[in-house]
Amino acid sequence: MASLSRLDVEHVATLARLGLSPEEVTLLEGQLNHILEQFAVLSELDTDDISPTAQTIAVESILREDSVRPGFDRSVVLSLAPAHSGEHVIVPAVLDDADPDR
């Protein structure tokens, strides 16, 4: 099985812009090679009878069901608005017309 060399770890650290000390490179080299060894062990398992899955545990929705409920009375909402015109609430403009890029 292929393993990572010290140069491989240093190269990846450089790509990730990680400033690792020589001790950290040595530690990381050992840890990454251990992980690769464990994947090699897993790759030896017979998985022909195991169906592919996107989830390893059952997923259940924690959201409530949508239900139709009465909304607010329009006249009450309009009476609470600082300004309104007919059946519409008037709000201050949030964009400046002088800036065509917005």
PDB file of N, CA and C in Angstrom:
ATOM      1  N   MET A   1       0.832  -1.183   0.000  1.00  0.00           N
ATOM      2  CA  MET A   1       0.000   0.000   0.000  1.00  0.00           C
ATOM      3  C   MET A   1       0.878   1.249   0.000  1.00  0.00           C
ATOM      4  N   ALA A   2       0.453   2.260  -0.722  1.00  0.00           N
ATOM      5  CA  ALA A   2       1.207   3.513  -0.785  1.00  0.00           C
ATOM      6  C   ALA A   2       1.086   4.265   0.532  1.00  0.00           C
ATOM      7  N   SER A   3       2.137   4.951   0.876  1.00  0.00           N
ATOM      8  CA  SER A   3       2.104   5.769   2.082  1.00  0.00           C
ATOM      9  C   SER A   3       2.596   7.169   1.723  1.00  0.00           C
ATOM     10  N   LEU A   4       2.307   8.084   2.598  1.00  0.00           N
ATOM     11  CA  LEU A   4       2.726   9.470   2.386  1.00  0.00           C
ATOM     12  C   LEU A   4       4.124   9.681   2.940  1.00  0.00           C
ATOM     13  N   SER A   5       4.936  10.362   2.161  1.00  0.00           N
ATOM     14  CA  SER A   5       6.281  10.700   2.630  1.00  0.00           C
ATOM     15  C   SER A   5       6.237  12.044   3.348  1.00  0.00           C
ATOM     16  N   ARG A   6       7.322  12.363   3.982  1.00  0.00           N
ATOM     17  CA  ARG A   6       7.443  13.662   4.654  1.00  0.00           C
ATOM     18  C   ARG A   6       7.269  14.798   3.637  1.00  0.00           C
ATOM     19  N   LEU A   7       7.836  14.604   2.436  1.00  0.00           N
ATOM     20  CA  LEU A   7       7.705  15.623   1.387  1.00  0.00           C
ATOM     21  C   LEU A   7       6.247  15.795   0.961  1.00  0.00           C
ATOM     22  N   ASP A   8       5.493  14.680   0.912  1.00  0.00           N
ATOM     23  CA  ASP A   8       4.069  14.770   0.578  1.00  0.00           C
ATOM     24  C   ASP A   8       3.332  15.623   1.605  1.00  0.00           C
ATOM     25  N   VAL A   9       3.596  15.376   2.866  1.00  0.00           N
ATOM     26  CA  VAL A   9       2.926  16.121   3.943  1.00  0.00           C
ATOM     27  C   VAL A   9       3.311  17.597   3.878  1.00  0.00           C
ATOM     28  N   GLU A  10       4.570  17.882   3.661  1.00  0.00           N
ATOM     29  CA  GLU A  10       5.018  19.275   3.555  1.00  0.00           C
ATOM     30  C   GLU A  10       4.378  19.963   2.356  1.00  0.00           C
ATOM     31  N   HIS A  11       4.242  19.233   1.244  1.00  0.00           N
ATOM     32  CA  HIS A  11       3.631  19.808   0.042  1.00  0.00           C
ATOM     33  C   HIS A  11       2.157  20.150   0.286  1.00  0.00           C
ATOM     34  N   VAL A  12       1.431  19.216   0.897  1.00  0.00           N
ATOM     35  CA  VAL A  12       0.014  19.470   1.191  1.00  0.00           C
ATOM     36  C   VAL A  12      -0.124  20.608   2.190  1.00  0.00           C
ATOM     37  N   ALA A  13       0.753  20.661   3.166  1.00  0.00           N
ATOM     38  CA  ALA A  13       0.717  21.750   4.146  1.00  0.00           C
ATOM     39  C   ALA A  13       0.944  23.096   3.460  1.00  0.00           C
ATOM     40  N   THR A  14       1.855  23.112   2.498  1.00  0.00           N
ATOM     41  CA  THR A  14       2.111  24.353   1.750  1.00  0.00           C
ATOM     42  C   THR A  14       0.886  24.749   0.945  1.00  0.00           C
ATOM     43  N   LEU A  15       0.262  23.774   0.267  1.00  0.00           N
ATOM     44  CA  LEU A  15      -0.942  24.070  -0.521  1.00  0.00           C
ATOM     45  C   LEU A  15      -2.069  24.604   0.357  1.00  0.00           C
ATOM     46  N   ALA A  16      -2.163  24.079   1.578  1.00  0.00           N
ATOM     47  CA  ALA A  16      -3.205  24.514   2.518  1.00  0.00           C
ATOM     48  C   ALA A  16      -2.790  25.746   3.303  1.00  0.00           C
ATOM     49  N   ARG A  17      -1.604  26.255   2.996  1.00  0.00           N
ATOM     50  CA  ARG A  17      -1.058  27.428   3.669  1.00  0.00           C
ATOM     51  C   ARG A  17      -0.965  27.222   5.183  1.00  0.00           C
ATOM     52  N   LEU A  18      -0.498  26.029   5.556  1.00  0.00           N
ATOM     53  CA  LEU A  18      -0.298  25.718   6.965  1.00  0.00           C
ATOM     54  C   LEU A  18       1.188  25.840   7.292  1.00  0.00           C
ATOM     55  N   GLY A  19       1.493  26.610   8.281  1.00  0.00           N
ATOM     56  CA  GLY A  19       2.878  26.735   8.714  1.00  0.00           C
ATOM     57  C   GLY A  19       3.159  25.705   9.797  1.00  0.00           C
ATOM     58  N   LEU A  20       3.635  24.538   9.384  1.00  0.00           N
ATOM     59  CA  LEU A  20       3.874  23.465  10.339  1.00  0.00           C
ATOM     60  C   LEU A  20       5.339  23.415  10.733  1.00  0.00           C
ATOM     61  N   SER A  21       5.578  23.159  12.009  1.00  0.00           N
ATOM     62  CA  SER A  21       6.948  22.958  12.489  1.00  0.00           C
ATOM     63  C   SER A  21       7.409  21.567  12.052  1.00  0.00           C
ATOM     64  N   PRO A  22       8.724  21.297  12.062  1.00  0.00           N
ATOM     65  CA  PRO A  22       9.206  19.955  11.709  1.00  0.00           C
ATOM     66  C   PRO A  22       8.588  18.857  12.585  1.00  0.00           C
ATOM     67  N   GLU A  23       8.349  19.160  13.849  1.00  0.00           N
ATOM     68  CA  GLU A  23       7.729  18.184  14.738  1.00  0.00           C
ATOM     69  C   GLU A  23       6.282  17.899  14.327  1.00  0.00           C
ATOM     70  N   GLU A  24       5.573  18.955  13.929  1.00  0.00           N
ATOM     71  CA  GLU A  24       4.183  18.782  13.494  1.00  0.00           C
ATOM     72  C   GLU A  24       4.113  17.982  12.193  1.00  0.00           C
ATOM     73  N   VAL A  25       5.069  18.218  11.288  1.00  0.00           N
ATOM     74  CA  VAL A  25       5.103  17.455  10.041  1.00  0.00           C
ATOM     75  C   VAL A  25       5.317  15.978  10.350  1.00  0.00           C
ATOM     76  N   THR A  26       6.228  15.671  11.250  1.00  0.00           N
ATOM     77  CA  THR A  26       6.497  14.287  11.637  1.00  0.00           C
ATOM     78  C   THR A  26       5.254  13.645  12.247  1.00  0.00           C
ATOM     79  N   LEU A  27       4.592  14.363  13.145  1.00  0.00           N
ATOM     80  CA  LEU A  27       3.385  13.856  13.787  1.00  0.00           C
ATOM     81  C   LEU A  27       2.289  13.619  12.750  1.00  0.00           C
ATOM     82  N   LEU A  28       2.078  14.592  11.880  1.00  0.00           N
ATOM     83  CA  LEU A  28       1.033  14.500  10.867  1.00  0.00           C
ATOM     84  C   LEU A  28       1.316  13.378   9.878  1.00  0.00           C
ATOM     85  N   GLU A  29       2.576  13.193   9.528  1.00  0.00           N
ATOM     86  CA  GLU A  29       2.944  12.100   8.620  1.00  0.00           C
ATOM     87  C   GLU A  29       2.519  10.763   9.214  1.00  0.00           C
ATOM     88  N   GLY A  30       2.809  10.550  10.474  1.00  0.00           N
ATOM     89  CA  GLY A  30       2.420   9.307  11.141  1.00  0.00           C
ATOM     90  C   GLY A  30       0.914   9.142  11.220  1.00  0.00           C
ATOM     91  N   GLN A  31       0.209  10.212  11.566  1.00  0.00           N
ATOM     92  CA  GLN A  31      -1.244  10.140  11.706  1.00  0.00           C
ATOM     93  C   GLN A  31      -1.920   9.873  10.363  1.00  0.00           C
ATOM     94  N   LEU A  32      -1.475  10.568   9.313  1.00  0.00           N
ATOM     95  CA  LEU A  32      -2.079  10.373   7.996  1.00  0.00           C
ATOM     96  C   LEU A  32      -1.803   8.974   7.457  1.00  0.00           C
ATOM     97  N   ASN A  33      -0.600   8.471   7.669  1.00  0.00           N
ATOM     98  CA  ASN A  33      -0.293   7.112   7.214  1.00  0.00           C
ATOM     99  C   ASN A  33      -1.106   6.080   7.987  1.00  0.00           C
ATOM    100  N   HIS A  34      -1.361   6.325   9.255  1.00  0.00           N
ATOM    101  CA  HIS A  34      -2.214   5.423  10.045  1.00  0.00           C
ATOM    102  C   HIS A  34      -3.635   5.411   9.474  1.00  0.00           C
ATOM    103  N   ILE A  35      -4.140   6.572   9.121  1.00  0.00           N
ATOM    104  CA  ILE A  35      -5.481   6.666   8.532  1.00  0.00           C
ATOM    105  C   ILE A  35      -5.528   5.886   7.220  1.00  0.00           C
ATOM    106  N   LEU A  36      -4.497   6.043   6.378  1.00  0.00           N
ATOM    107  CA  LEU A  36      -4.456   5.307   5.117  1.00  0.00           C
ATOM    108  C   LEU A  36      -4.407   3.799   5.351  1.00  0.00           C
ATOM    109  N   GLU A  37      -3.683   3.372   6.367  1.00  0.00           N
ATOM    110  CA  GLU A  37      -3.626   1.941   6.705  1.00  0.00           C
ATOM    111  C   GLU A  37      -5.006   1.427   7.107  1.00  0.00           C
ATOM    112  N   GLN A  38      -5.756   2.230   7.850  1.00  0.00           N
ATOM    113  CA  GLN A  38      -7.095   1.815   8.274  1.00  0.00           C
ATOM    114  C   GLN A  38      -8.037   1.713   7.072  1.00  0.00           C
ATOM    115  N   PHE A  39      -7.892   2.614   6.104  1.00  0.00           N
ATOM    116  CA  PHE A  39      -8.705   2.522   4.890  1.00  0.00           C
ATOM    117  C   PHE A  39      -8.336   1.278   4.093  1.00  0.00           C
ATOM    118  N   ALA A  40      -7.083   0.899   4.112  1.00  0.00           N
ATOM    119  CA  ALA A  40      -6.663  -0.328   3.432  1.00  0.00           C
ATOM    120  C   ALA A  40      -7.330  -1.540   4.070  1.00  0.00           C
ATOM    121  N   VAL A  41      -7.443  -1.544   5.396  1.00  0.00           N
ATOM    122  CA  VAL A  41      -8.127  -2.639   6.092  1.00  0.00           C
ATOM    123  C   VAL A  41      -9.604  -2.665   5.689  1.00  0.00           C
ATOM    124  N   LEU A  42     -10.224  -1.494   5.656  1.00  0.00           N
ATOM    125  CA  LEU A  42     -11.637  -1.420   5.274  1.00  0.00           C
ATOM    126  C   LEU A  42     -11.856  -1.870   3.830  1.00  0.00           C
ATOM    127  N   SER A  43     -10.915  -1.579   2.950  1.00  0.00           N
ATOM    128  CA  SER A  43     -11.085  -1.936   1.541  1.00  0.00           C
ATOM    129  C   SER A  43     -11.046  -3.442   1.326  1.00  0.00           C
ATOM    130  N   GLU A  44     -10.561  -4.191   2.303  1.00  0.00           N
ATOM    131  CA  GLU A  44     -10.518  -5.653   2.194  1.00  0.00           C
ATOM    132  C   GLU A  44     -11.860  -6.299   2.549  1.00  0.00           C
ATOM    133  N   LEU A  45     -12.781  -5.540   3.118  1.00  0.00           N
ATOM    134  CA  LEU A  45     -14.081  -6.083   3.508  1.00  0.00           C
ATOM    135  C   LEU A  45     -14.930  -6.402   2.283  1.00  0.00           C
ATOM    136  N   ASP A  46     -15.688  -7.486   2.361  1.00  0.00           N
ATOM    137  CA  ASP A  46     -16.603  -7.857   1.291  1.00  0.00           C
ATOM    138  C   ASP A  46     -17.900  -7.072   1.476  1.00  0.00           C
ATOM    139  N   THR A  47     -18.166  -6.165   0.559  1.00  0.00           N
ATOM    140  CA  THR A  47     -19.359  -5.315   0.659  1.00  0.00           C
ATOM    141  C   THR A  47     -20.338  -5.581  -0.479  1.00  0.00           C
ATOM    142  N   ASP A  48     -20.184  -6.728  -1.154  1.00  0.00           N
ATOM    143  CA  ASP A  48     -21.048  -7.036  -2.298  1.00  0.00           C
ATOM    144  C   ASP A  48     -22.524  -7.137  -1.908  1.00  0.00           C
ATOM    145  N   ASP A  49     -22.811  -7.633  -0.709  1.00  0.00           N
ATOM    146  CA  ASP A  49     -24.205  -7.823  -0.287  1.00  0.00           C
ATOM    147  C   ASP A  49     -24.772  -6.622   0.454  1.00  0.00           C
ATOM    148  N   ILE A  50     -24.034  -5.537   0.505  1.00  0.00           N
ATOM    149  CA  ILE A  50     -24.495  -4.338   1.204  1.00  0.00           C
ATOM    150  C   ILE A  50     -24.940  -3.323   0.163  1.00  0.00           C
ATOM    151  N   SER A  51     -26.200  -2.913   0.273  1.00  0.00           N
ATOM    152  CA  SER A  51     -26.714  -1.960  -0.709  1.00  0.00           C
ATOM    153  C   SER A  51     -26.141  -0.569  -0.447  1.00  0.00           C
ATOM    154  N   PRO A  52     -25.887   0.175  -1.512  1.00  0.00           N
ATOM    155  CA  PRO A  52     -25.361   1.538  -1.345  1.00  0.00           C
ATOM    156  C   PRO A  52     -26.375   2.414  -0.603  1.00  0.00           C
ATOM    157  N   THR A  53     -25.867   3.334   0.157  1.00  0.00           N
ATOM    158  CA  THR A  53     -26.739   4.236   0.903  1.00  0.00           C
ATOM    159  C   THR A  53     -26.064   5.590   1.039  1.00  0.00           C
ATOM    160  N   ALA A  54     -26.874   6.615   1.121  1.00  0.00           N
ATOM    161  CA  ALA A  54     -26.338   7.950   1.338  1.00  0.00           C
ATOM    162  C   ALA A  54     -26.306   8.286   2.821  1.00  0.00           C
ATOM    163  N   GLN A  55     -27.046   7.523   3.624  1.00  0.00           N
ATOM    164  CA  GLN A  55     -27.118   7.769   5.063  1.00  0.00           C
ATOM    165  C   GLN A  55     -26.766   6.489   5.807  1.00  0.00           C
ATOM    166  N   THR A  56     -26.021   6.627   6.871  1.00  0.00           N
ATOM    167  CA  THR A  56     -25.693   5.452   7.669  1.00  0.00           C
ATOM    168  C   THR A  56     -26.672   5.244   8.814  1.00  0.00           C
ATOM    169  N   ILE A  57     -27.459   6.271   9.103  1.00  0.00           N
ATOM    170  CA  ILE A  57     -28.489   6.151  10.141  1.00  0.00           C
ATOM    171  C   ILE A  57     -29.806   6.652   9.566  1.00  0.00           C
ATOM    172  N   ALA A  58     -30.888   6.235  10.152  1.00  0.00           N
ATOM    173  CA  ALA A  58     -32.200   6.671   9.679  1.00  0.00           C
ATOM    174  C   ALA A  58     -32.348   8.174   9.890  1.00  0.00           C
ATOM    175  N   VAL A  59     -32.906   8.815   8.904  1.00  0.00           N
ATOM    176  CA  VAL A  59     -33.105  10.262   8.973  1.00  0.00           C
ATOM    177  C   VAL A  59     -34.597  10.532   9.075  1.00  0.00           C
ATOM    178  N   GLU A  60     -34.963  11.358  10.033  1.00  0.00           N
ATOM    179  CA  GLU A  60     -36.364  11.721  10.177  1.00  0.00           C
ATOM    180  C   GLU A  60     -36.495  13.233  10.197  1.00  0.00           C
ATOM    181  N   SER A  61     -37.574  13.702   9.661  1.00  0.00           N
ATOM    182  CA  SER A  61     -37.820  15.135   9.615  1.00  0.00           C
ATOM    183  C   SER A  61     -38.195  15.640  11.005  1.00  0.00           C
ATOM    184  N   ILE A  62     -37.567  16.717  11.418  1.00  0.00           N
ATOM    185  CA  ILE A  62     -37.909  17.304  12.714  1.00  0.00           C
ATOM    186  C   ILE A  62     -38.801  18.533  12.536  1.00  0.00           C
ATOM    187  N   LEU A  63     -39.181  18.791  11.271  1.00  0.00           N
ATOM    188  CA  LEU A  63     -40.030  19.942  10.993  1.00  0.00           C
ATOM    189  C   LEU A  63     -41.494  19.555  11.130  1.00  0.00           C
ATOM    190  N   ARG A  64     -42.296  20.485  11.530  1.00  0.00           N
ATOM    191  CA  ARG A  64     -43.725  20.224  11.657  1.00  0.00           C
ATOM    192  C   ARG A  64     -44.367  20.233  10.278  1.00  0.00           C
ATOM    193  N   GLU A  65     -45.511  19.622  10.177  1.00  0.00           N
ATOM    194  CA  GLU A  65     -46.265  19.643   8.931  1.00  0.00           C
ATOM    195  C   GLU A  65     -46.808  21.054   8.705  1.00  0.00           C
ATOM    196  N   ASP A  66     -46.854  21.466   7.447  1.00  0.00           N
ATOM    197  CA  ASP A  66     -47.468  22.743   7.129  1.00  0.00           C
ATOM    198  C   ASP A  66     -48.974  22.631   7.332  1.00  0.00           C
ATOM    199  N   SER A  67     -49.558  23.676   7.868  1.00  0.00           N
ATOM    200  CA  SER A  67     -51.004  23.676   8.045  1.00  0.00           C
ATOM    201  C   SER A  67     -51.526  25.084   7.783  1.00  0.00           C
ATOM    202  N   VAL A  68     -52.706  25.134   7.215  1.00  0.00           N
ATOM    203  CA  VAL A  68     -53.333  26.421   6.910  1.00  0.00           C
ATOM    204  C   VAL A  68     -53.925  26.976   8.191  1.00  0.00           C
ATOM    205  N   ARG A  69     -53.568  28.214   8.497  1.00  0.00           N
ATOM    206  CA  ARG A  69     -54.103  28.873   9.681  1.00  0.00           C
ATOM    207  C   ARG A  69     -54.565  30.268   9.273  1.00  0.00           C
ATOM    208  N   PRO A  70     -55.486  30.818  10.002  1.00  0.00           N
ATOM    209  CA  PRO A  70     -55.935  32.170   9.658  1.00  0.00           C
ATOM    210  C   PRO A  70     -54.800  33.177   9.867  1.00  0.00           C
ATOM    211  N   GLY A  71     -54.722  34.139   8.959  1.00  0.00           N
ATOM    212  CA  GLY A  71     -53.705  35.177   9.069  1.00  0.00           C
ATOM    213  C   GLY A  71     -54.203  36.340   9.911  1.00  0.00           C
ATOM    214  N   PHE A  72     -53.398  37.391   9.928  1.00  0.00           N
ATOM    215  CA  PHE A  72     -53.800  38.584  10.675  1.00  0.00           C
ATOM    216  C   PHE A  72     -54.899  39.326   9.923  1.00  0.00           C
ATOM    217  N   ASP A  73     -55.729  40.001  10.640  1.00  0.00           N
ATOM    218  CA  ASP A  73     -56.761  40.825  10.021  1.00  0.00           C
ATOM    219  C   ASP A  73     -56.089  42.029   9.370  1.00  0.00           C
ATOM    220  N   ARG A  74     -56.363  42.237   8.091  1.00  0.00           N
ATOM    221  CA  ARG A  74     -55.715  43.297   7.323  1.00  0.00           C
ATOM    222  C   ARG A  74     -55.924  44.676   7.956  1.00  0.00           C
ATOM    223  N   SER A  75     -57.090  44.951   8.439  1.00  0.00           N
ATOM    224  CA  SER A  75     -57.362  46.275   9.015  1.00  0.00           C
ATOM    225  C   SER A  75     -56.537  46.496  10.287  1.00  0.00           C
ATOM    226  N   VAL A  76     -56.311  45.428  11.058  1.00  0.00           N
ATOM    227  CA  VAL A  76     -55.493  45.555  12.268  1.00  0.00           C
ATOM    228  C   VAL A  76     -54.045  45.834  11.895  1.00  0.00           C
ATOM    229  N   VAL A  77     -53.533  45.095  10.913  1.00  0.00           N
ATOM    230  CA  VAL A  77     -52.145  45.299  10.479  1.00  0.00           C
ATOM    231  C   VAL A  77     -51.963  46.709   9.945  1.00  0.00           C
ATOM    232  N   LEU A  78     -52.876  47.167   9.106  1.00  0.00           N
ATOM    233  CA  LEU A  78     -52.763  48.517   8.555  1.00  0.00           C
ATOM    234  C   LEU A  78     -52.873  49.581   9.642  1.00  0.00           C
ATOM    235  N   SER A  79     -53.658  49.324  10.668  1.00  0.00           N
ATOM    236  CA  SER A  79     -53.782  50.311  11.747  1.00  0.00           C
ATOM    237  C   SER A  79     -52.495  50.397  12.571  1.00  0.00           C
ATOM    238  N   LEU A  80     -51.683  49.321  12.572  1.00  0.00           N
ATOM    239  CA  LEU A  80     -50.428  49.319  13.320  1.00  0.00           C
ATOM    240  C   LEU A  80     -49.260  49.875  12.507  1.00  0.00           C
ATOM    241  N   ALA A  81     -49.408  49.952  11.180  1.00  0.00           N
ATOM    242  CA  ALA A  81     -48.317  50.422  10.323  1.00  0.00           C
ATOM    243  C   ALA A  81     -48.160  51.933  10.466  1.00  0.00           C
ATOM    244  N   PRO A  82     -46.913  52.422  10.453  1.00  0.00           N
ATOM    245  CA  PRO A  82     -46.692  53.864  10.538  1.00  0.00           C
ATOM    246  C   PRO A  82     -47.306  54.622   9.370  1.00  0.00           C
ATOM    247  N   ALA A  83     -47.337  53.983   8.183  1.00  0.00           N
ATOM    248  CA  ALA A  83     -47.926  54.639   7.004  1.00  0.00           C
ATOM    249  C   ALA A  83     -48.491  53.558   6.096  1.00  0.00           C
ATOM    250  N   HIS A  84     -49.631  53.882   5.467  1.00  0.00           N
ATOM    251  CA  HIS A  84     -50.213  52.940   4.508  1.00  0.00           C
ATOM    252  C   HIS A  84     -50.992  53.703   3.470  1.00  0.00           C
ATOM    253  N   SER A  85     -51.173  53.035   2.328  1.00  0.00           N
ATOM    254  CA  SER A  85     -51.945  53.614   1.235  1.00  0.00           C
ATOM    255  C   SER A  85     -52.896  52.534   0.759  1.00  0.00           C
ATOM    256  N   GLY A  86     -54.169  52.730   0.959  1.00  0.00           N
ATOM    257  CA  GLY A  86     -55.142  51.696   0.600  1.00  0.00           C
ATOM    258  C   GLY A  86     -54.885  50.456   1.437  1.00  0.00           C
ATOM    259  N   GLU A  87     -54.622  49.349   0.776  1.00  0.00           N
ATOM    260  CA  GLU A  87     -54.387  48.087   1.477  1.00  0.00           C
ATOM    261  C   GLU A  87     -52.901  47.737   1.550  1.00  0.00           C
ATOM    262  N   HIS A  88     -52.022  48.699   1.330  1.00  0.00           N
ATOM    263  CA  HIS A  88     -50.580  48.450   1.301  1.00  0.00           C
ATOM    264  C   HIS A  88     -49.857  49.247   2.379  1.00  0.00           C
ATOM    265  N   VAL A  89     -48.881  48.615   3.005  1.00  0.00           N
ATOM    266  CA  VAL A  89     -48.038  49.285   3.985  1.00  0.00           C
ATOM    267  C   VAL A  89     -46.955  50.034   3.222  1.00  0.00           C
ATOM    268  N   ILE A  90     -46.683  51.254   3.592  1.00  0.00           N
ATOM    269  CA  ILE A  90     -45.630  52.050   2.958  1.00  0.00           C
ATOM    270  C   ILE A  90     -44.386  51.957   3.836  1.00  0.00           C
ATOM    271  N   VAL A  91     -43.267  51.598   3.205  1.00  0.00           N
ATOM    272  CA  VAL A  91     -42.001  51.489   3.925  1.00  0.00           C
ATOM    273  C   VAL A  91     -40.981  52.404   3.272  1.00  0.00           C
ATOM    274  N   PRO A  92     -39.962  52.842   4.023  1.00  0.00           N
ATOM    275  CA  PRO A  92     -38.943  53.706   3.431  1.00  0.00           C
ATOM    276  C   PRO A  92     -38.144  52.942   2.370  1.00  0.00           C
ATOM    277  N   ALA A  93     -37.660  53.669   1.367  1.00  0.00           N
ATOM    278  CA  ALA A  93     -36.829  53.066   0.326  1.00  0.00           C
ATOM    279  C   ALA A  93     -35.508  52.615   0.941  1.00  0.00           C
ATOM    280  N   VAL A  94     -35.015  51.471   0.506  1.00  0.00           N
ATOM    281  CA  VAL A  94     -33.751  50.959   1.039  1.00  0.00           C
ATOM    282  C   VAL A  94     -32.621  51.086   0.022  1.00  0.00           C
ATOM    283  N   LEU A  95     -32.944  51.379  -1.220  1.00  0.00           N
ATOM    284  CA  LEU A  95     -31.924  51.563  -2.253  1.00  0.00           C
ATOM    285  C   LEU A  95     -31.955  52.987  -2.749  1.00  0.00           C
ATOM    286  N   ASP A  96     -30.800  53.521  -3.060  1.00  0.00           N
ATOM    287  CA  ASP A  96     -30.694  54.869  -3.579  1.00  0.00           C
ATOM    288  C   ASP A  96     -30.770  54.820  -5.090  1.00  0.00           C
ATOM    289  N   ASP A  97     -31.683  55.587  -5.696  1.00  0.00           N
ATOM    290  CA  ASP A  97     -31.826  55.570  -7.165  1.00  0.00           C
ATOM    291  C   ASP A  97     -30.597  56.127  -7.864  1.00  0.00           C
ATOM    292  N   ALA A  98     -29.747  56.864  -7.161  1.00  0.00           N
ATOM    293  CA  ALA A  98     -28.570  57.459  -7.786  1.00  0.00           C
ATOM    294  C   ALA A  98     -27.482  56.405  -8.052  1.00  0.00           C
ATOM    295  N   ASP A  99     -27.557  55.234  -7.494  1.00  0.00           N
ATOM    296  CA  ASP A  99     -26.549  54.186  -7.690  1.00  0.00           C
ATOM    297  C   ASP A  99     -27.095  53.137  -8.643  1.00  0.00           C
ATOM    298  N   PRO A 100     -26.749  53.208  -9.964  1.00  0.00           N
ATOM    299  CA  PRO A 100     -27.315  52.272 -10.945  1.00  0.00           C
ATOM    300  C   PRO A 100     -26.779  50.847 -10.792  1.00  0.00           C
ATOM    301  N   ASP A 101     -25.689  50.642 -10.054  1.00  0.00           N
ATOM    302  CA  ASP A 101     -25.128  49.301  -9.894  1.00  0.00           C
ATOM    303  C   ASP A 101     -25.842  48.465  -8.867  1.00  0.00           C
ATOM    304  N   ARG A 102     -26.759  49.031  -8.135  1.00  0.00           N
ATOM    305  CA  ARG A 102     -27.430  48.286  -7.071  1.00  0.00           C
ATOM    306  C   ARG A 102     -28.709  47.696  -7.548  1.00  0.00           C
TER     307      ARG A 102
END
